[in-house]
C-alpha cells in the first residue's frame, strides 16, 4: 500500500521527487513548507513543494528547458512585430532578473540568477504583453511578478500563484488601455482581435492564420504551431504533465460546444495555448495527484470559457489560472490518497 501511494503522489512527470525540492529549500531556508503524509507507522512519505523533477533533470535544467521551448514562439513574435517586440522581451527579462537579484540581496540570500527561474518569469510575462507596450511598463510588471508574486511569499518553491500572471494582472489593472491594444503583424497597427470576432460570429474567418501565426495579439498569442512545438518538446522530456494542457483543452472545447461556438477557434485564439502549456503546468502552483490535475485543468478550461462568453473581460485564461492556483492546496487536500493523514 505504501508503495502504491508513493507512486501516486510522486506522479508529477515533471514535478515530483526530491532533487529540485532540495535546491529550492536551499535557496529559501527560513520557510518550512514540508508536509509528511504517514501511511503506516513504519512508512512516511515526504511531500515537499515544487518544483520536483524526475530522473536527472535539475531545477536549472527544467527552467532552461522551458525557456528553450518558448524560443520558437518568441522568435515568431519578433519576426512578426519587429523591434518593438524585442524591446518588450528584453525589458521584461531584465526587469525580472534585476528584481530577483535585489530581493535576494535584501534578504541576504545567495544571488541565483543562474538557475533561470527569473529569466523564465520575465519571458513568460513578455509573451502575455502586446508589442506596443512601452518597455518601462514591462520592467514594472516584471518587478511586481518577482517582488510580489514570488519573493513576498518566500521565493522559489513557496509562491502560491504563477508570478508571471501576477505581473500581468497588475499591468492589466494599472494600464488598461496599453494592455488592451491589439497590434497586427508587420505594421503594428491596431485592429479587431480574433476573440472579438469569435464573440460576434461564433467562429473565426481564418483558422489557418490562428494556427500558423499570422494574426495579431500579444506576443505569445500569434503562433499556435510554435507553442505546440515547444509543448511537444517539454512533454517528450517529461518536464510538464500532459494531463494539464489536455484537461484545459477538453474543458474549453466542451463549454464552447455546449454554447454553440467554434471550439477550434477558441482553442487556437487568445492566450489559451500559452497558458495551458507553459503557465498552468507550473510545478509549484499546480496540484500533485493525477485526479487533482484533472480537476485543476478542467476547471481552468471551464472558467476561461465562462469569462470569454459571459464576463466583461475579453480573455479569461490568466484569471482562470490564478483562481485555480489559489485552489491548488484545497485540491491537493481533497485528492490525497485514502488512508493517509497529514500532520
C-alpha atoms as a PDB file:
ATOM      1  CA  UNK A   1       0.000   0.000   0.000  1.00  0.00           C
ATOM      2  CA  UNK A   2       2.805   2.415   0.880  1.00  0.00           C
ATOM      3  CA  UNK A   3       4.483   1.739  -2.440  1.00  0.00           C
ATOM      4  CA  UNK A   4       1.235   2.352  -4.344  1.00  0.00           C
ATOM      5  CA  UNK A   5       0.653   5.647  -2.537  1.00  0.00           C
ATOM      6  CA  UNK A   6       4.225   6.704  -3.195  1.00  0.00           C
ATOM      7  CA  UNK A   7       3.783   6.112  -6.910  1.00  0.00           C
ATOM      8  CA  UNK A   8       0.501   8.009  -6.949  1.00  0.00           C
ATOM      9  CA  UNK A   9       1.686  11.082  -5.082  1.00  0.00           C
ATOM     10  CA  UNK A  10       5.007  11.270  -6.895  1.00  0.00           C
ATOM     11  CA  UNK A  11       3.360  11.081 -10.328  1.00  0.00           C
ATOM     12  CA  UNK A  12       4.220  14.660 -11.375  1.00  0.00           C
ATOM     13  CA  UNK A  13       6.003  13.589 -14.552  1.00  0.00           C
ATOM     14  CA  UNK A  14       7.997  16.702 -14.317  1.00  0.00           C
ATOM     15  CA  UNK A  15       7.159  17.779 -10.958  1.00  0.00           C
ATOM     16  CA  UNK A  16       7.965  15.146  -8.375  1.00  0.00           C
ATOM     17  CA  UNK A  17      10.657  13.712  -6.258  1.00  0.00           C
ATOM     18  CA  UNK A  18      13.334  15.299  -4.380  1.00  0.00           C
ATOM     19  CA  UNK A  19      16.344  16.708  -6.175  1.00  0.00           C
ATOM     20  CA  UNK A  20      14.862  20.046  -7.089  1.00  0.00           C
ATOM     21  CA  UNK A  21      12.927  20.455  -3.855  1.00  0.00           C
ATOM     22  CA  UNK A  22      16.225  20.344  -2.007  1.00  0.00           C
ATOM     23  CA  UNK A  23      17.573  23.093  -4.247  1.00  0.00           C
ATOM     24  CA  UNK A  24      14.511  25.283  -3.704  1.00  0.00           C
ATOM     25  CA  UNK A  25      14.755  24.866   0.073  1.00  0.00           C
ATOM     26  CA  UNK A  26      18.471  25.639  -0.076  1.00  0.00           C
ATOM     27  CA  UNK A  27      17.661  28.976  -1.716  1.00  0.00           C
ATOM     28  CA  UNK A  28      14.936  29.897   0.805  1.00  0.00           C
ATOM     29  CA  UNK A  29      15.803  28.043   4.027  1.00  0.00           C
ATOM     30  CA  UNK A  30      13.736  30.019   6.533  1.00  0.00           C
ATOM     31  CA  UNK A  31      10.414  28.854   5.039  1.00  0.00           C
ATOM     32  CA  UNK A  32       9.423  25.385   6.186  1.00  0.00           C
ATOM     33  CA  UNK A  33       6.685  24.074   3.919  1.00  0.00           C
ATOM     34  CA  UNK A  34       7.398  20.362   4.049  1.00  0.00           C
ATOM     35  CA  UNK A  35       4.474  18.026   4.668  1.00  0.00           C
ATOM     36  CA  UNK A  36       4.686  14.453   5.930  1.00  0.00           C
ATOM     37  CA  UNK A  37       1.966  12.013   4.942  1.00  0.00           C
ATOM     38  CA  UNK A  38       2.042   8.856   7.032  1.00  0.00           C
ATOM     39  CA  UNK A  39       0.639   5.686   5.544  1.00  0.00           C
ATOM     40  CA  UNK A  40       1.547   3.346   8.384  1.00  0.00           C
ATOM     41  CA  UNK A  41       3.800   3.536  11.465  1.00  0.00           C
ATOM     42  CA  UNK A  42       6.741   2.204   9.503  1.00  0.00           C
ATOM     43  CA  UNK A  43       6.465   4.295   6.363  1.00  0.00           C
ATOM     44  CA  UNK A  44       6.380   8.057   5.929  1.00  0.00           C
ATOM     45  CA  UNK A  45       6.043   9.711   2.556  1.00  0.00           C
ATOM     46  CA  UNK A  46       7.687  13.135   2.335  1.00  0.00           C
ATOM     47  CA  UNK A  47       5.848  15.682   0.189  1.00  0.00           C
ATOM     48  CA  UNK A  48       7.596  18.990  -0.437  1.00  0.00           C
ATOM     49  CA  UNK A  49       6.695  21.990  -2.586  1.00  0.00           C
ATOM     50  CA  UNK A  50       7.743  22.064  -6.240  1.00  0.00           C
ATOM     51  CA  UNK A  51       9.480  22.201  -8.490  1.00  0.00           C
ATOM     52  CA  UNK A  52      10.136  18.434  -8.261  1.00  0.00           C
ATOM     53  CA  UNK A  53      11.617  16.753 -11.302  1.00  0.00           C
ATOM     54  CA  UNK A  54      12.023  13.043 -12.067  1.00  0.00           C
ATOM     55  CA  UNK A  55      15.272  11.444 -13.157  1.00  0.00           C
ATOM     56  CA  UNK A  56      18.394  13.583 -13.542  1.00  0.00           C
ATOM     57  CA  UNK A  57      16.739  16.871 -14.570  1.00  0.00           C
ATOM     58  CA  UNK A  58      17.678  19.661 -12.152  1.00  0.00           C
ATOM     59  CA  UNK A  59      15.811  22.874 -11.380  1.00  0.00           C
ATOM     60  CA  UNK A  60      18.167  24.775 -13.635  1.00  0.00           C
ATOM     61  CA  UNK A  61      17.767  22.182 -16.379  1.00  0.00           C
ATOM     62  CA  UNK A  62      13.983  22.337 -16.130  1.00  0.00           C
ATOM     63  CA  UNK A  63      13.905  26.139 -16.272  1.00  0.00           C
ATOM     64  CA  UNK A  64      16.267  26.236 -19.229  1.00  0.00           C
ATOM     65  CA  UNK A  65      14.210  23.556 -20.992  1.00  0.00           C
ATOM     66  CA  UNK A  66      11.090  25.710 -20.726  1.00  0.00           C
ATOM     67  CA  UNK A  67      12.978  28.790 -21.917  1.00  0.00           C
ATOM     68  CA  UNK A  68      14.255  26.826 -24.915  1.00  0.00           C
ATOM     69  CA  UNK A  69      10.733  25.573 -25.654  1.00  0.00           C
ATOM     70  CA  UNK A  70       9.485  29.171 -25.695  1.00  0.00           C
ATOM     71  CA  UNK A  71      12.106  30.334 -28.182  1.00  0.00           C
ATOM     72  CA  UNK A  72      10.103  29.350 -31.317  1.00  0.00           C
ATOM     73  CA  UNK A  73       7.093  31.405 -30.201  1.00  0.00           C
ATOM     74  CA  UNK A  74       9.366  34.271 -29.146  1.00  0.00           C
ATOM     75  CA  UNK A  75      11.153  34.199 -32.494  1.00  0.00           C
ATOM     76  CA  UNK A  76       7.870  34.247 -34.413  1.00  0.00           C
ATOM     77  CA  UNK A  77       6.666  37.227 -32.365  1.00  0.00           C
ATOM     78  CA  UNK A  78       9.855  39.188 -33.014  1.00  0.00           C
ATOM     79  CA  UNK A  79       9.656  38.328 -36.730  1.00  0.00           C
ATOM     80  CA  UNK A  80       6.029  39.468 -36.942  1.00  0.00           C
ATOM     81  CA  UNK A  81       6.250  42.619 -34.833  1.00  0.00           C
ATOM     82  CA  UNK A  82       9.897  43.611 -35.204  1.00  0.00           C
ATOM     83  CA  UNK A  83      11.971  45.638 -32.765  1.00  0.00           C
ATOM     84  CA  UNK A  84       9.054  46.696 -30.521  1.00  0.00           C
ATOM     85  CA  UNK A  85       8.528  43.046 -29.591  1.00  0.00           C
ATOM     86  CA  UNK A  86      12.240  42.552 -28.953  1.00  0.00           C
ATOM     87  CA  UNK A  87      12.363  45.537 -26.603  1.00  0.00           C
ATOM     88  CA  UNK A  88       9.391  44.226 -24.625  1.00  0.00           C
ATOM     89  CA  UNK A  89      11.086  40.828 -24.230  1.00  0.00           C
ATOM     90  CA  UNK A  90      14.443  42.327 -23.239  1.00  0.00           C
ATOM     91  CA  UNK A  91      12.858  44.792 -20.808  1.00  0.00           C
ATOM     92  CA  UNK A  92      10.739  42.132 -19.125  1.00  0.00           C
ATOM     93  CA  UNK A  93      13.608  39.668 -18.681  1.00  0.00           C
ATOM     94  CA  UNK A  94      15.983  42.398 -17.487  1.00  0.00           C
ATOM     95  CA  UNK A  95      13.410  43.697 -15.004  1.00  0.00           C
ATOM     96  CA  UNK A  96      12.770  40.216 -13.653  1.00  0.00           C
ATOM     97  CA  UNK A  97      16.450  39.388 -13.228  1.00  0.00           C
ATOM     98  CA  UNK A  98      17.291  42.745 -11.634  1.00  0.00           C
ATOM     99  CA  UNK A  99      14.417  42.397  -9.163  1.00  0.00           C
ATOM    100  CA  UNK A 100      15.433  38.824  -8.364  1.00  0.00           C
ATOM    101  CA  UNK A 101      18.978  39.932  -7.555  1.00  0.00           C
ATOM    102  CA  UNK A 102      17.742  42.875  -5.487  1.00  0.00           C
ATOM    103  CA  UNK A 103      15.304  40.750  -3.465  1.00  0.00           C
ATOM    104  CA  UNK A 104      17.890  38.059  -2.785  1.00  0.00           C
ATOM    105  CA  UNK A 105      20.449  40.689  -1.781  1.00  0.00           C
ATOM    106  CA  UNK A 106      17.944  42.381   0.552  1.00  0.00           C
ATOM    107  CA  UNK A 107      17.106  39.040   2.163  1.00  0.00           C
ATOM    108  CA  UNK A 108      20.791  38.158   2.466  1.00  0.00           C
ATOM    109  CA  UNK A 109      20.383  35.117   0.270  1.00  0.00           C
ATOM    110  CA  UNK A 110      22.732  33.848  -2.435  1.00  0.00           C
ATOM    111  CA  UNK A 111      22.030  35.507  -5.780  1.00  0.00           C
ATOM    112  CA  UNK A 112      20.974  32.648  -8.043  1.00  0.00           C
ATOM    113  CA  UNK A 113      20.234  34.228 -11.401  1.00  0.00           C
ATOM    114  CA  UNK A 114      21.977  31.260 -12.998  1.00  0.00           C
ATOM    115  CA  UNK A 115      19.060  28.945 -12.163  1.00  0.00           C
ATOM    116  CA  UNK A 116      16.935  30.511 -14.922  1.00  0.00           C
ATOM    117  CA  UNK A 117      13.775  30.999 -12.854  1.00  0.00           C
ATOM    118  CA  UNK A 118      13.793  34.811 -13.031  1.00  0.00           C
ATOM    119  CA  UNK A 119      14.582  34.819 -16.749  1.00  0.00           C
ATOM    120  CA  UNK A 120      11.740  32.361 -17.348  1.00  0.00           C
ATOM    121  CA  UNK A 121       9.287  34.537 -15.412  1.00  0.00           C
ATOM    122  CA  UNK A 122      10.364  37.575 -17.419  1.00  0.00           C
ATOM    123  CA  UNK A 123       9.991  35.742 -20.731  1.00  0.00           C
ATOM    124  CA  UNK A 124       6.577  34.328 -19.831  1.00  0.00           C
ATOM    125  CA  UNK A 125       5.376  37.768 -18.788  1.00  0.00           C
ATOM    126  CA  UNK A 126       6.677  39.298 -22.021  1.00  0.00           C
ATOM    127  CA  UNK A 127       4.739  36.772 -24.089  1.00  0.00           C
ATOM    128  CA  UNK A 128       1.487  37.890 -22.434  1.00  0.00           C
ATOM    129  CA  UNK A 129       2.104  41.533 -23.367  1.00  0.00           C
ATOM    130  CA  UNK A 130       1.264  43.467 -26.548  1.00  0.00           C
ATOM    131  CA  UNK A 131       4.241  44.527 -28.692  1.00  0.00           C
ATOM    132  CA  UNK A 132       3.172  48.168 -28.457  1.00  0.00           C
ATOM    133  CA  UNK A 133       3.562  48.262 -24.661  1.00  0.00           C
ATOM    134  CA  UNK A 134       6.203  50.783 -23.514  1.00  0.00           C
ATOM    135  CA  UNK A 135       9.266  48.860 -22.275  1.00  0.00           C
ATOM    136  CA  UNK A 136       9.221  50.607 -18.897  1.00  0.00           C
ATOM    137  CA  UNK A 137       5.810  49.072 -18.222  1.00  0.00           C
ATOM    138  CA  UNK A 138       7.255  45.639 -18.969  1.00  0.00           C
ATOM    139  CA  UNK A 139      10.038  46.336 -16.456  1.00  0.00           C
ATOM    140  CA  UNK A 140       7.476  47.392 -13.847  1.00  0.00           C
ATOM    141  CA  UNK A 141       5.338  44.323 -14.451  1.00  0.00           C
ATOM    142  CA  UNK A 142       8.374  42.062 -14.137  1.00  0.00           C
ATOM    143  CA  UNK A 143       9.347  43.754 -10.874  1.00  0.00           C
ATOM    144  CA  UNK A 144       5.878  43.081  -9.461  1.00  0.00           C
ATOM    145  CA  UNK A 145       5.966  39.500 -10.751  1.00  0.00           C
ATOM    146  CA  UNK A 146       9.228  38.733  -8.952  1.00  0.00           C
ATOM    147  CA  UNK A 147       8.923  41.005  -5.927  1.00  0.00           C
ATOM    148  CA  UNK A 148       5.261  40.421  -5.103  1.00  0.00           C
ATOM    149  CA  UNK A 149       4.379  37.230  -6.954  1.00  0.00           C
ATOM    150  CA  UNK A 150       7.464  35.321  -5.851  1.00  0.00           C
ATOM    151  CA  UNK A 151       9.561  36.783  -3.028  1.00  0.00           C
ATOM    152  CA  UNK A 152       6.676  38.183  -0.981  1.00  0.00           C
ATOM    153  CA  UNK A 153       5.661  34.555  -0.410  1.00  0.00           C
ATOM    154  CA  UNK A 154       9.154  33.275   0.348  1.00  0.00           C
ATOM    155  CA  UNK A 155      10.820  32.810  -3.013  1.00  0.00           C
ATOM    156  CA  UNK A 156      11.376  29.837  -5.280  1.00  0.00           C
ATOM    157  CA  UNK A 157       9.045  26.967  -4.435  1.00  0.00           C
ATOM    158  CA  UNK A 158       6.877  28.907  -1.973  1.00  0.00           C
ATOM    159  CA  UNK A 159       4.744  31.097  -4.248  1.00  0.00           C
ATOM    160  CA  UNK A 160       1.065  30.053  -4.468  1.00  0.00           C
ATOM    161  CA  UNK A 161       0.419  31.939  -7.721  1.00  0.00           C
ATOM    162  CA  UNK A 162       2.229  31.956 -11.037  1.00  0.00           C
ATOM    163  CA  UNK A 163       4.483  35.041 -10.753  1.00  0.00           C
ATOM    164  CA  UNK A 164       4.267  35.983 -14.438  1.00  0.00           C
ATOM    165  CA  UNK A 165       0.471  36.068 -14.226  1.00  0.00           C
ATOM    166  CA  UNK A 166       0.645  38.182 -11.073  1.00  0.00           C
ATOM    167  CA  UNK A 167       2.705  40.693 -13.047  1.00  0.00           C
ATOM    168  CA  UNK A 168       0.290  40.594 -15.950  1.00  0.00           C
ATOM    169  CA  UNK A 169      -2.714  41.085 -13.671  1.00  0.00           C
ATOM    170  CA  UNK A 170      -1.015  44.131 -12.147  1.00  0.00           C
ATOM    171  CA  UNK A 171      -0.315  45.650 -15.556  1.00  0.00           C
ATOM    172  CA  UNK A 172      -3.841  44.927 -16.756  1.00  0.00           C
ATOM    173  CA  UNK A 173      -5.342  46.660 -13.727  1.00  0.00           C
ATOM    174  CA  UNK A 174      -2.925  49.601 -13.803  1.00  0.00           C
ATOM    175  CA  UNK A 175      -2.582  50.278 -17.536  1.00  0.00           C
ATOM    176  CA  UNK A 176      -5.780  49.014 -19.126  1.00  0.00           C
ATOM    177  CA  UNK A 177      -5.520  50.937 -22.405  1.00  0.00           C
ATOM    178  CA  UNK A 178      -1.921  49.987 -23.345  1.00  0.00           C
ATOM    179  CA  UNK A 179      -2.508  46.403 -22.220  1.00  0.00           C
ATOM    180  CA  UNK A 180      -5.626  46.045 -24.356  1.00  0.00           C
ATOM    181  CA  UNK A 181      -4.011  47.420 -27.518  1.00  0.00           C
ATOM    182  CA  UNK A 182      -4.148  44.890 -30.343  1.00  0.00           C
ATOM    183  CA  UNK A 183      -1.364  45.040 -32.913  1.00  0.00           C
ATOM    184  CA  UNK A 184      -1.410  43.366 -36.306  1.00  0.00           C
ATOM    185  CA  UNK A 185       1.767  41.748 -37.646  1.00  0.00           C
ATOM    186  CA  UNK A 186       4.413  43.605 -39.639  1.00  0.00           C
ATOM    187  CA  UNK A 187       2.902  47.091 -39.432  1.00  0.00           C
ATOM    188  CA  UNK A 188       1.878  47.062 -35.725  1.00  0.00           C
ATOM    189  CA  UNK A 189      -1.395  48.853 -36.409  1.00  0.00           C
ATOM    190  CA  UNK A 190      -4.412  48.121 -34.280  1.00  0.00           C
ATOM    191  CA  UNK A 191      -7.329  46.003 -35.401  1.00  0.00           C
ATOM    192  CA  UNK A 192     -10.100  43.708 -34.194  1.00  0.00           C
ATOM    193  CA  UNK A 193      -8.964  40.768 -32.082  1.00  0.00           C
ATOM    194  CA  UNK A 194      -9.744  37.159 -33.029  1.00  0.00           C
ATOM    195  CA  UNK A 195     -11.652  36.782 -29.751  1.00  0.00           C
ATOM    196  CA  UNK A 196     -13.777  39.818 -30.636  1.00  0.00           C
ATOM    197  CA  UNK A 197     -14.659  38.270 -33.999  1.00  0.00           C
ATOM    198  CA  UNK A 198     -15.409  34.924 -32.346  1.00  0.00           C
ATOM    199  CA  UNK A 199     -17.628  36.656 -29.784  1.00  0.00           C
ATOM    200  CA  UNK A 200     -19.543  38.386 -32.571  1.00  0.00           C
ATOM    201  CA  UNK A 201     -19.864  35.494 -35.030  1.00  0.00           C
ATOM    202  CA  UNK A 202     -19.186  32.309 -33.035  1.00  0.00           C
ATOM    203  CA  UNK A 203     -16.132  31.427 -35.139  1.00  0.00           C
ATOM    204  CA  UNK A 204     -13.060  32.951 -36.800  1.00  0.00           C
ATOM    205  CA  UNK A 205     -12.833  33.508 -40.526  1.00  0.00           C
ATOM    206  CA  UNK A 206      -9.263  32.226 -40.924  1.00  0.00           C
ATOM    207  CA  UNK A 207      -8.423  29.323 -38.615  1.00  0.00           C
ATOM    208  CA  UNK A 208      -5.236  28.624 -40.561  1.00  0.00           C
ATOM    209  CA  UNK A 209      -3.955  32.098 -39.688  1.00  0.00           C
ATOM    210  CA  UNK A 210      -4.515  31.332 -35.993  1.00  0.00           C
ATOM    211  CA  UNK A 211      -2.614  28.075 -36.320  1.00  0.00           C
ATOM    212  CA  UNK A 212       0.275  29.239 -38.489  1.00  0.00           C
ATOM    213  CA  UNK A 213       0.857  32.524 -36.730  1.00  0.00           C
ATOM    214  CA  UNK A 214      -0.123  35.410 -38.975  1.00  0.00           C
ATOM    215  CA  UNK A 215      -2.683  37.008 -36.670  1.00  0.00           C
ATOM    216  CA  UNK A 216      -2.049  39.810 -34.233  1.00  0.00           C
ATOM    217  CA  UNK A 217      -2.316  39.925 -30.482  1.00  0.00           C
ATOM    218  CA  UNK A 218       0.049  39.639 -27.569  1.00  0.00           C
ATOM    219  CA  UNK A 219       3.488  38.251 -28.321  1.00  0.00           C
ATOM    220  CA  UNK A 220       2.583  34.715 -27.232  1.00  0.00           C
ATOM    221  CA  UNK A 221      -0.790  34.604 -28.980  1.00  0.00           C
ATOM    222  CA  UNK A 222       0.370  34.741 -32.565  1.00  0.00           C
ATOM    223  CA  UNK A 223       1.591  31.245 -33.469  1.00  0.00           C
ATOM    224  CA  UNK A 224      -0.193  28.126 -32.275  1.00  0.00           C
ATOM    225  CA  UNK A 225       2.203  25.862 -34.146  1.00  0.00           C
ATOM    226  CA  UNK A 226       5.250  27.381 -32.405  1.00  0.00           C
ATOM    227  CA  UNK A 227       3.647  26.931 -28.986  1.00  0.00           C
ATOM    228  CA  UNK A 228       2.616  23.356 -29.775  1.00  0.00           C
ATOM    229  CA  UNK A 229       6.137  22.540 -30.952  1.00  0.00           C
ATOM    230  CA  UNK A 230       7.569  23.842 -27.698  1.00  0.00           C
ATOM    231  CA  UNK A 231       4.973  21.949 -25.692  1.00  0.00           C
ATOM    232  CA  UNK A 232       5.750  18.720 -27.534  1.00  0.00           C
ATOM    233  CA  UNK A 233       9.427  19.112 -26.630  1.00  0.00           C
ATOM    234  CA  UNK A 234       8.572  19.581 -22.950  1.00  0.00           C
ATOM    235  CA  UNK A 235       6.280  16.549 -22.966  1.00  0.00           C
ATOM    236  CA  UNK A 236       8.978  14.445 -24.618  1.00  0.00           C
ATOM    237  CA  UNK A 237      11.479  15.470 -21.948  1.00  0.00           C
ATOM    238  CA  UNK A 238       8.967  14.884 -19.148  1.00  0.00           C
ATOM    239  CA  UNK A 239       9.124  18.486 -17.942  1.00  0.00           C
ATOM    240  CA  UNK A 240       5.343  19.014 -17.966  1.00  0.00           C
ATOM    241  CA  UNK A 241       2.419  16.679 -17.331  1.00  0.00           C
ATOM    242  CA  UNK A 242       0.175  16.065 -20.354  1.00  0.00           C
ATOM    243  CA  UNK A 243      -2.965  15.927 -18.187  1.00  0.00           C
ATOM    244  CA  UNK A 244      -2.973  19.669 -17.556  1.00  0.00           C
ATOM    245  CA  UNK A 245      -2.955  21.003 -21.148  1.00  0.00           C
ATOM    246  CA  UNK A 246      -5.246  18.132 -22.168  1.00  0.00           C
ATOM    247  CA  UNK A 247      -7.711  18.912 -19.381  1.00  0.00           C
ATOM    248  CA  UNK A 248      -7.742  22.612 -20.209  1.00  0.00           C
ATOM    249  CA  UNK A 249      -8.376  21.819 -23.864  1.00  0.00           C
ATOM    250  CA  UNK A 250     -11.211  19.430 -23.004  1.00  0.00           C
ATOM    251  CA  UNK A 251     -12.845  21.896 -20.611  1.00  0.00           C
ATOM    252  CA  UNK A 252     -12.588  24.733 -23.115  1.00  0.00           C
ATOM    253  CA  UNK A 253     -13.892  22.702 -26.054  1.00  0.00           C
ATOM    254  CA  UNK A 254     -16.763  21.225 -24.037  1.00  0.00           C
ATOM    255  CA  UNK A 255     -18.113  24.603 -22.932  1.00  0.00           C
ATOM    256  CA  UNK A 256     -17.646  26.043 -26.439  1.00  0.00           C
ATOM    257  CA  UNK A 257     -19.595  23.134 -27.930  1.00  0.00           C
ATOM    258  CA  UNK A 258     -22.392  23.477 -25.370  1.00  0.00           C
ATOM    259  CA  UNK A 259     -22.563  27.235 -26.006  1.00  0.00           C
ATOM    260  CA  UNK A 260     -22.759  26.696 -29.767  1.00  0.00           C
ATOM    261  CA  UNK A 261     -19.492  28.418 -30.687  1.00  0.00           C
ATOM    262  CA  UNK A 262     -16.470  27.087 -32.552  1.00  0.00           C
ATOM    263  CA  UNK A 263     -14.279  25.027 -30.155  1.00  0.00           C
ATOM    264  CA  UNK A 264     -11.277  25.052 -32.504  1.00  0.00           C
ATOM    265  CA  UNK A 265     -11.343  28.833 -32.805  1.00  0.00           C
ATOM    266  CA  UNK A 266     -11.394  29.192 -29.035  1.00  0.00           C
ATOM    267  CA  UNK A 267      -8.585  26.676 -28.575  1.00  0.00           C
ATOM    268  CA  UNK A 268      -6.314  28.461 -31.058  1.00  0.00           C
ATOM    269  CA  UNK A 269      -7.087  32.070 -30.149  1.00  0.00           C
ATOM    270  CA  UNK A 270      -6.039  34.311 -27.318  1.00  0.00           C
ATOM    271  CA  UNK A 271      -3.580  33.113 -24.720  1.00  0.00           C
ATOM    272  CA  UNK A 272      -5.080  29.660 -24.234  1.00  0.00           C
ATOM    273  CA  UNK A 273      -2.202  27.594 -25.625  1.00  0.00           C
ATOM    274  CA  UNK A 274       0.453  29.691 -23.893  1.00  0.00           C
ATOM    275  CA  UNK A 275      -1.413  29.399 -20.603  1.00  0.00           C
ATOM    276  CA  UNK A 276      -2.272  25.719 -20.923  1.00  0.00           C
ATOM    277  CA  UNK A 277       1.199  24.540 -21.932  1.00  0.00           C
ATOM    278  CA  UNK A 278       3.575  26.904 -20.168  1.00  0.00           C
ATOM    279  CA  UNK A 279       1.759  28.539 -17.231  1.00  0.00           C
ATOM    280  CA  UNK A 280      -0.861  26.202 -15.824  1.00  0.00           C
ATOM    281  CA  UNK A 281       1.781  23.450 -15.762  1.00  0.00           C
ATOM    282  CA  UNK A 282       3.984  25.444 -13.366  1.00  0.00           C
ATOM    283  CA  UNK A 283       5.422  22.873 -10.953  1.00  0.00           C
ATOM    284  CA  UNK A 284       4.919  24.988  -7.832  1.00  0.00           C
ATOM    285  CA  UNK A 285       1.335  26.140  -8.324  1.00  0.00           C
ATOM    286  CA  UNK A 286      -0.365  23.057  -9.816  1.00  0.00           C
ATOM    287  CA  UNK A 287      -1.723  20.004  -7.957  1.00  0.00           C
ATOM    288  CA  UNK A 288       0.283  16.898  -7.174  1.00  0.00           C
ATOM    289  CA  UNK A 289      -2.087  13.977  -7.740  1.00  0.00           C
ATOM    290  CA  UNK A 290      -3.452  12.718 -11.057  1.00  0.00           C
ATOM    291  CA  UNK A 291      -7.042  13.339 -10.024  1.00  0.00           C
ATOM    292  CA  UNK A 292      -6.099  16.770  -8.736  1.00  0.00           C
ATOM    293  CA  UNK A 293      -4.503  17.701 -12.037  1.00  0.00           C
ATOM    294  CA  UNK A 294      -7.652  16.767 -13.943  1.00  0.00           C
ATOM    295  CA  UNK A 295      -9.853  18.791 -11.581  1.00  0.00           C
ATOM    296  CA  UNK A 296      -7.493  21.754 -11.820  1.00  0.00           C
ATOM    297  CA  UNK A 297      -7.146  21.634 -15.608  1.00  0.00           C
ATOM    298  CA  UNK A 298     -10.808  21.074 -16.451  1.00  0.00           C
ATOM    299  CA  UNK A 299     -11.745  23.927 -14.115  1.00  0.00           C
ATOM    300  CA  UNK A 300      -9.320  26.275 -15.863  1.00  0.00           C
ATOM    301  CA  UNK A 301     -10.848  25.414 -19.235  1.00  0.00           C
ATOM    302  CA  UNK A 302     -14.399  25.939 -17.983  1.00  0.00           C
ATOM    303  CA  UNK A 303     -13.572  29.203 -16.183  1.00  0.00           C
ATOM    304  CA  UNK A 304     -11.771  30.511 -19.254  1.00  0.00           C
ATOM    305  CA  UNK A 305     -14.857  29.996 -21.388  1.00  0.00           C
ATOM    306  CA  UNK A 306     -17.207  31.427 -18.763  1.00  0.00           C
ATOM    307  CA  UNK A 307     -15.140  34.616 -18.742  1.00  0.00           C
ATOM    308  CA  UNK A 308     -14.830  34.730 -22.537  1.00  0.00           C
ATOM    309  CA  UNK A 309     -18.523  34.194 -23.167  1.00  0.00           C
ATOM    310  CA  UNK A 310     -20.283  35.947 -20.313  1.00  0.00           C
ATOM    311  CA  UNK A 311     -17.887  38.283 -18.476  1.00  0.00           C
ATOM    312  CA  UNK A 312     -16.793  41.792 -19.371  1.00  0.00           C
ATOM    313  CA  UNK A 313     -13.163  40.779 -19.934  1.00  0.00           C
ATOM    314  CA  UNK A 314     -12.466  39.508 -23.472  1.00  0.00           C
ATOM    315  CA  UNK A 315      -9.877  36.958 -22.307  1.00  0.00           C
ATOM    316  CA  UNK A 316     -10.055  34.723 -19.253  1.00  0.00           C
ATOM    317  CA  UNK A 317      -7.049  32.403 -19.321  1.00  0.00           C
ATOM    318  CA  UNK A 318      -4.870  34.366 -16.911  1.00  0.00           C
ATOM    319  CA  UNK A 319      -7.641  34.883 -14.385  1.00  0.00           C
ATOM    320  CA  UNK A 320      -8.740  31.257 -14.606  1.00  0.00           C
ATOM    321  CA  UNK A 321      -5.213  30.003 -13.916  1.00  0.00           C
ATOM    322  CA  UNK A 322      -4.763  32.387 -10.976  1.00  0.00           C
ATOM    323  CA  UNK A 323      -8.078  31.284  -9.458  1.00  0.00           C
ATOM    324  CA  UNK A 324      -7.132  27.626  -9.728  1.00  0.00           C
ATOM    325  CA  UNK A 325      -3.621  28.340  -8.409  1.00  0.00           C
ATOM    326  CA  UNK A 326      -5.380  29.567  -5.291  1.00  0.00           C
ATOM    327  CA  UNK A 327      -7.478  26.400  -5.183  1.00  0.00           C
ATOM    328  CA  UNK A 328      -4.488  24.059  -5.546  1.00  0.00           C
ATOM    329  CA  UNK A 329      -3.896  23.473  -1.791  1.00  0.00           C
ATOM    330  CA  UNK A 330      -7.560  22.514  -1.386  1.00  0.00           C
ATOM    331  CA  UNK A 331      -7.402  20.223  -4.422  1.00  0.00           C
ATOM    332  CA  UNK A 332      -4.297  18.540  -3.005  1.00  0.00           C
ATOM    333  CA  UNK A 333      -6.031  18.049   0.340  1.00  0.00           C
ATOM    334  CA  UNK A 334      -9.184  16.606  -1.240  1.00  0.00           C
ATOM    335  CA  UNK A 335      -7.328  14.230  -3.551  1.00  0.00           C
ATOM    336  CA  UNK A 336      -4.787  12.840  -1.090  1.00  0.00           C
ATOM    337  CA  UNK A 337      -4.699   9.047  -1.198  1.00  0.00           C
ATOM    338  CA  UNK A 338      -7.228   7.392   1.091  1.00  0.00           C
ATOM    339  CA  UNK A 339      -5.761   6.156   4.324  1.00  0.00           C
ATOM    340  CA  UNK A 340      -3.114   8.865   4.508  1.00  0.00           C
ATOM    341  CA  UNK A 341      -3.114  11.537   7.145  1.00  0.00           C
ATOM    342  CA  UNK A 342      -1.343  14.849   7.268  1.00  0.00           C
ATOM    343  CA  UNK A 343       0.439  16.070  10.357  1.00  0.00           C
END
